[in-house]
Amino acid sequence: MNQLSPAELKKLIDSKEPIQIIDIREPYEYEYSHLEQSILMPMATVSDKISEISRELNVIIHCRTGKRAEAMIDYLECTHNFTNLHNLTGGILAWSEEIDASKAPY
C-alpha cells in the first residue's frame, strides 16, 4: 500500500499537481475538520461511488488516523484493481499535528 506523509501531501497541494483527496469519514467528522481540497465520501458509500474515484490522478484517501483509509484502500485495490491510491499516514490527526493546527483533533 502506498503511504503519503502529511508533508508529502502538503508538497503536492502546494505544487498544484492535479490530485484527488477523498475523506472517508462520516459527515459530522468532516464538518468538524477537513482538508479544503477534499471531497466527502463516507466509507459506507464508497462502493456505490466507484465511478467518482479517479483512475488517472493520484488519489489520497484519508480518515481520522489512517486505519479506515488503509482498509478502504485494500478493498479498492483488491476488488476494483485501483493502482493509484495513497493513504495519508496518520490521517487528519497527523495533518493537524504536523501541518495545520487549525484542523483541530476531535
N, C-alpha and C. Protein backbone atom coordinates (compact mmCIF):
# COMPACT_ATOMS: atom_id res chain seq x y z
N MET A 1 0.84 -1.18 0.00
CA MET A 1 0.00 0.00 0.00
C MET A 1 0.88 1.24 0.00
N ASN A 2 0.50 2.18 -0.84
CA ASN A 2 1.23 3.44 -0.90
C ASN A 2 0.85 4.32 0.29
N GLN A 3 1.86 4.85 0.96
CA GLN A 3 1.66 5.76 2.09
C GLN A 3 2.16 7.14 1.69
N LEU A 4 1.50 8.16 2.18
CA LEU A 4 1.90 9.53 1.90
C LEU A 4 1.89 10.28 3.22
N SER A 5 3.00 10.88 3.58
CA SER A 5 3.06 11.63 4.84
C SER A 5 2.33 12.96 4.68
N PRO A 6 1.95 13.59 5.77
CA PRO A 6 1.35 14.92 5.67
C PRO A 6 2.25 15.91 4.93
N ALA A 7 3.55 15.86 5.18
CA ALA A 7 4.47 16.78 4.49
C ALA A 7 4.48 16.52 2.98
N GLU A 8 4.44 15.26 2.59
CA GLU A 8 4.41 14.94 1.15
C GLU A 8 3.10 15.41 0.51
N LEU A 9 1.99 15.25 1.22
CA LEU A 9 0.72 15.73 0.69
C LEU A 9 0.74 17.25 0.58
N LYS A 10 1.28 17.92 1.56
CA LYS A 10 1.36 19.39 1.52
C LYS A 10 2.15 19.84 0.29
N LYS A 11 3.25 19.15 -0.02
CA LYS A 11 4.04 19.49 -1.21
C LYS A 11 3.22 19.31 -2.48
N LEU A 12 2.45 18.23 -2.55
CA LEU A 12 1.59 18.00 -3.72
C LEU A 12 0.56 19.11 -3.86
N ILE A 13 -0.08 19.46 -2.75
CA ILE A 13 -1.10 20.52 -2.78
C ILE A 13 -0.46 21.84 -3.20
N ASP A 14 0.67 22.17 -2.61
CA ASP A 14 1.35 23.43 -2.92
C ASP A 14 1.83 23.49 -4.37
N SER A 15 2.17 22.34 -4.93
CA SER A 15 2.65 22.31 -6.32
C SER A 15 1.52 22.44 -7.33
N LYS A 16 0.29 22.39 -6.84
CA LYS A 16 -0.90 22.46 -7.70
C LYS A 16 -1.02 21.27 -8.65
N GLU A 17 -0.29 20.20 -8.34
CA GLU A 17 -0.42 18.98 -9.14
C GLU A 17 -1.85 18.47 -9.02
N PRO A 18 -2.46 18.07 -10.13
CA PRO A 18 -3.83 17.55 -10.03
C PRO A 18 -3.85 16.24 -9.24
N ILE A 19 -4.60 16.25 -8.16
CA ILE A 19 -4.78 15.07 -7.32
C ILE A 19 -6.23 15.04 -6.88
N GLN A 20 -6.64 13.91 -6.33
CA GLN A 20 -7.97 13.81 -5.75
C GLN A 20 -7.77 13.38 -4.29
N ILE A 21 -8.40 14.12 -3.38
CA ILE A 21 -8.33 13.79 -1.96
C ILE A 21 -9.73 13.39 -1.52
N ILE A 22 -9.83 12.18 -1.00
CA ILE A 22 -11.13 11.65 -0.56
C ILE A 22 -11.09 11.43 0.95
N ASP A 23 -12.05 12.04 1.61
CA ASP A 23 -12.21 11.91 3.06
C ASP A 23 -13.33 10.89 3.29
N ILE A 24 -12.99 9.75 3.90
CA ILE A 24 -13.99 8.68 4.06
C ILE A 24 -14.64 8.67 5.45
N ARG A 25 -14.45 9.75 6.18
CA ARG A 25 -15.08 9.83 7.50
C ARG A 25 -16.57 10.14 7.35
N GLU A 26 -17.25 10.17 8.47
CA GLU A 26 -18.67 10.48 8.50
C GLU A 26 -18.88 11.99 8.35
N PRO A 27 -20.07 12.40 7.87
CA PRO A 27 -20.33 13.84 7.68
C PRO A 27 -20.05 14.70 8.90
N TYR A 28 -20.41 14.24 10.10
CA TYR A 28 -20.17 15.05 11.29
C TYR A 28 -18.67 15.24 11.53
N GLU A 29 -17.85 14.25 11.19
CA GLU A 29 -16.40 14.38 11.34
C GLU A 29 -15.85 15.39 10.32
N TYR A 30 -16.34 15.29 9.10
CA TYR A 30 -15.93 16.18 8.01
C TYR A 30 -16.28 17.63 8.36
N GLU A 31 -17.48 17.84 8.87
CA GLU A 31 -17.90 19.19 9.24
C GLU A 31 -17.03 19.78 10.34
N TYR A 32 -16.59 18.94 11.24
CA TYR A 32 -15.75 19.41 12.35
C TYR A 32 -14.40 19.91 11.85
N SER A 33 -13.81 19.15 10.91
CA SER A 33 -12.48 19.48 10.42
C SER A 33 -12.21 18.70 9.14
N HIS A 34 -11.78 19.41 8.10
CA HIS A 34 -11.45 18.72 6.85
C HIS A 34 -10.44 19.52 6.03
N LEU A 35 -9.81 18.83 5.11
CA LEU A 35 -8.90 19.49 4.17
C LEU A 35 -9.75 20.17 3.11
N GLU A 36 -9.42 21.41 2.81
CA GLU A 36 -10.24 22.20 1.88
C GLU A 36 -10.39 21.52 0.51
N GLN A 37 -9.37 20.81 0.07
CA GLN A 37 -9.38 20.20 -1.25
C GLN A 37 -10.10 18.86 -1.29
N SER A 38 -10.52 18.37 -0.14
CA SER A 38 -11.07 17.01 -0.09
C SER A 38 -12.55 16.97 -0.44
N ILE A 39 -12.96 15.79 -0.91
CA ILE A 39 -14.38 15.53 -1.11
C ILE A 39 -14.80 14.49 -0.08
N LEU A 40 -16.00 14.65 0.41
CA LEU A 40 -16.52 13.71 1.40
C LEU A 40 -17.14 12.52 0.68
N MET A 41 -16.69 11.34 1.05
CA MET A 41 -17.24 10.10 0.54
C MET A 41 -17.21 9.10 1.70
N PRO A 42 -18.21 9.15 2.59
CA PRO A 42 -18.19 8.27 3.75
C PRO A 42 -17.92 6.81 3.36
N MET A 43 -17.19 6.14 4.22
CA MET A 43 -16.76 4.78 3.95
C MET A 43 -17.91 3.88 3.48
N ALA A 44 -19.06 4.00 4.09
CA ALA A 44 -20.20 3.15 3.74
C ALA A 44 -20.75 3.42 2.34
N THR A 45 -20.37 4.55 1.74
CA THR A 45 -20.90 4.90 0.42
C THR A 45 -19.91 4.65 -0.71
N VAL A 46 -18.68 4.34 -0.37
CA VAL A 46 -17.63 4.23 -1.40
C VAL A 46 -17.98 3.20 -2.46
N SER A 47 -18.48 2.04 -2.08
CA SER A 47 -18.76 1.00 -3.08
C SER A 47 -19.81 1.45 -4.09
N ASP A 48 -20.66 2.41 -3.72
CA ASP A 48 -21.66 2.93 -4.65
C ASP A 48 -21.12 4.08 -5.50
N LYS A 49 -19.92 4.56 -5.18
CA LYS A 49 -19.36 5.73 -5.86
C LYS A 49 -18.03 5.44 -6.53
N ILE A 50 -17.79 4.19 -6.88
CA ILE A 50 -16.52 3.80 -7.50
C ILE A 50 -16.22 4.66 -8.72
N SER A 51 -17.23 4.98 -9.50
CA SER A 51 -17.02 5.75 -10.73
C SER A 51 -16.55 7.18 -10.45
N GLU A 52 -16.71 7.65 -9.22
CA GLU A 52 -16.28 9.00 -8.87
C GLU A 52 -14.81 9.06 -8.43
N ILE A 53 -14.19 7.90 -8.30
CA ILE A 53 -12.78 7.84 -7.89
C ILE A 53 -11.92 7.80 -9.14
N SER A 54 -11.02 8.74 -9.26
CA SER A 54 -10.16 8.83 -10.45
C SER A 54 -9.24 7.63 -10.56
N ARG A 55 -9.06 7.19 -11.78
CA ARG A 55 -8.07 6.15 -12.06
C ARG A 55 -6.83 6.76 -12.73
N GLU A 56 -6.91 8.04 -13.08
CA GLU A 56 -5.80 8.72 -13.73
C GLU A 56 -4.93 9.52 -12.77
N LEU A 57 -5.57 10.18 -11.80
CA LEU A 57 -4.84 11.02 -10.86
C LEU A 57 -4.34 10.20 -9.68
N ASN A 58 -3.38 10.76 -8.95
CA ASN A 58 -3.05 10.19 -7.65
C ASN A 58 -4.21 10.51 -6.73
N VAL A 59 -4.71 9.48 -6.05
CA VAL A 59 -5.85 9.64 -5.14
C VAL A 59 -5.35 9.40 -3.73
N ILE A 60 -5.57 10.39 -2.88
CA ILE A 60 -5.19 10.27 -1.48
C ILE A 60 -6.47 10.06 -0.69
N ILE A 61 -6.52 8.97 0.05
CA ILE A 61 -7.68 8.65 0.87
C ILE A 61 -7.28 8.82 2.32
N HIS A 62 -8.15 9.50 3.07
CA HIS A 62 -7.81 9.68 4.48
C HIS A 62 -9.04 9.58 5.37
N CYS A 63 -8.74 9.38 6.64
CA CYS A 63 -9.76 9.31 7.68
C CYS A 63 -9.18 10.03 8.90
N ARG A 64 -9.56 9.63 10.07
CA ARG A 64 -9.07 10.30 11.28
C ARG A 64 -7.62 9.92 11.59
N THR A 65 -7.32 8.61 11.59
CA THR A 65 -5.98 8.14 11.97
C THR A 65 -5.26 7.36 10.87
N GLY A 66 -5.97 7.01 9.83
CA GLY A 66 -5.39 6.23 8.74
C GLY A 66 -5.84 4.79 8.68
N LYS A 67 -6.43 4.29 9.74
CA LYS A 67 -6.83 2.87 9.78
C LYS A 67 -7.99 2.56 8.84
N ARG A 68 -9.04 3.38 8.87
CA ARG A 68 -10.17 3.15 7.96
C ARG A 68 -9.73 3.32 6.51
N ALA A 69 -8.87 4.30 6.27
CA ALA A 69 -8.39 4.53 4.91
C ALA A 69 -7.58 3.33 4.41
N GLU A 70 -6.76 2.75 5.28
CA GLU A 70 -6.00 1.56 4.88
C GLU A 70 -6.94 0.43 4.48
N ALA A 71 -7.98 0.20 5.25
CA ALA A 71 -8.95 -0.85 4.94
C ALA A 71 -9.65 -0.55 3.62
N MET A 72 -10.02 0.70 3.39
CA MET A 72 -10.70 1.07 2.16
C MET A 72 -9.78 0.91 0.95
N ILE A 73 -8.54 1.29 1.10
CA ILE A 73 -7.58 1.13 0.00
C ILE A 73 -7.39 -0.35 -0.32
N ASP A 74 -7.25 -1.18 0.70
CA ASP A 74 -7.15 -2.63 0.46
C ASP A 74 -8.34 -3.12 -0.34
N TYR A 75 -9.53 -2.73 0.06
CA TYR A 75 -10.75 -3.13 -0.64
C TYR A 75 -10.71 -2.67 -2.10
N LEU A 76 -10.41 -1.40 -2.32
CA LEU A 76 -10.42 -0.85 -3.68
C LEU A 76 -9.35 -1.48 -4.57
N GLU A 77 -8.18 -1.73 -4.00
CA GLU A 77 -7.10 -2.36 -4.79
C GLU A 77 -7.43 -3.81 -5.12
N CYS A 78 -7.95 -4.55 -4.16
CA CYS A 78 -8.23 -5.97 -4.37
C CYS A 78 -9.49 -6.22 -5.19
N THR A 79 -10.51 -5.44 -4.96
CA THR A 79 -11.80 -5.68 -5.59
C THR A 79 -11.99 -4.92 -6.90
N HIS A 80 -11.40 -3.73 -7.00
CA HIS A 80 -11.63 -2.88 -8.17
C HIS A 80 -10.36 -2.54 -8.93
N ASN A 81 -9.26 -3.16 -8.56
CA ASN A 81 -7.99 -3.05 -9.29
C ASN A 81 -7.43 -1.63 -9.41
N PHE A 82 -7.64 -0.81 -8.39
CA PHE A 82 -7.02 0.52 -8.38
C PHE A 82 -5.53 0.36 -8.12
N THR A 83 -4.74 1.21 -8.76
CA THR A 83 -3.28 1.18 -8.58
C THR A 83 -2.72 2.56 -8.23
N ASN A 84 -3.58 3.54 -8.05
CA ASN A 84 -3.16 4.93 -7.87
C ASN A 84 -3.58 5.52 -6.53
N LEU A 85 -3.79 4.66 -5.53
CA LEU A 85 -4.31 5.11 -4.24
C LEU A 85 -3.19 5.26 -3.22
N HIS A 86 -3.34 6.26 -2.36
CA HIS A 86 -2.36 6.54 -1.30
C HIS A 86 -3.10 6.81 0.00
N ASN A 87 -2.57 6.28 1.08
CA ASN A 87 -3.11 6.54 2.42
C ASN A 87 -2.36 7.72 3.03
N LEU A 88 -3.10 8.68 3.55
CA LEU A 88 -2.47 9.76 4.31
C LEU A 88 -2.08 9.20 5.67
N THR A 89 -0.81 8.97 5.85
CA THR A 89 -0.30 8.36 7.08
C THR A 89 -0.70 9.19 8.29
N GLY A 90 -1.40 8.56 9.22
CA GLY A 90 -1.83 9.25 10.43
C GLY A 90 -3.11 10.04 10.30
N GLY A 91 -3.66 10.12 9.09
CA GLY A 91 -4.93 10.78 8.85
C GLY A 91 -4.95 12.26 9.20
N ILE A 92 -6.16 12.77 9.44
CA ILE A 92 -6.33 14.19 9.73
C ILE A 92 -5.66 14.58 11.05
N LEU A 93 -5.50 13.60 11.96
CA LEU A 93 -4.80 13.90 13.21
C LEU A 93 -3.35 14.26 12.95
N ALA A 94 -2.68 13.50 12.09
CA ALA A 94 -1.29 13.79 11.76
C ALA A 94 -1.19 15.11 11.00
N TRP A 95 -2.15 15.36 10.10
CA TRP A 95 -2.16 16.63 9.37
C TRP A 95 -2.25 17.79 10.36
N SER A 96 -3.13 17.67 11.35
CA SER A 96 -3.30 18.71 12.36
C SER A 96 -2.01 18.92 13.16
N GLU A 97 -1.36 17.83 13.53
CA GLU A 97 -0.13 17.92 14.34
C GLU A 97 1.05 18.47 13.54
N GLU A 98 1.16 18.08 12.28
CA GLU A 98 2.37 18.39 11.51
C GLU A 98 2.24 19.58 10.56
N ILE A 99 1.03 19.86 10.09
CA ILE A 99 0.88 20.87 9.02
C ILE A 99 0.00 22.04 9.42
N ASP A 100 -1.20 21.75 9.92
CA ASP A 100 -2.19 22.81 10.12
C ASP A 100 -2.96 22.59 11.42
N ALA A 101 -2.54 23.25 12.46
CA ALA A 101 -3.16 23.08 13.77
C ALA A 101 -4.60 23.58 13.80
N SER A 102 -5.02 24.35 12.79
CA SER A 102 -6.41 24.81 12.76
C SER A 102 -7.36 23.65 12.45
N LYS A 103 -6.84 22.55 11.96
CA LYS A 103 -7.64 21.34 11.75
C LYS A 103 -7.63 20.57 13.05
N ALA A 104 -8.37 21.09 14.00
CA ALA A 104 -8.33 20.60 15.38
C ALA A 104 -8.70 19.13 15.48
N PRO A 105 -7.94 18.39 16.27
CA PRO A 105 -8.30 16.99 16.50
C PRO A 105 -9.60 16.91 17.31
N TYR A 106 -10.25 15.80 17.18
CA TYR A 106 -11.50 15.58 17.91
C TYR A 106 -11.49 14.23 18.56
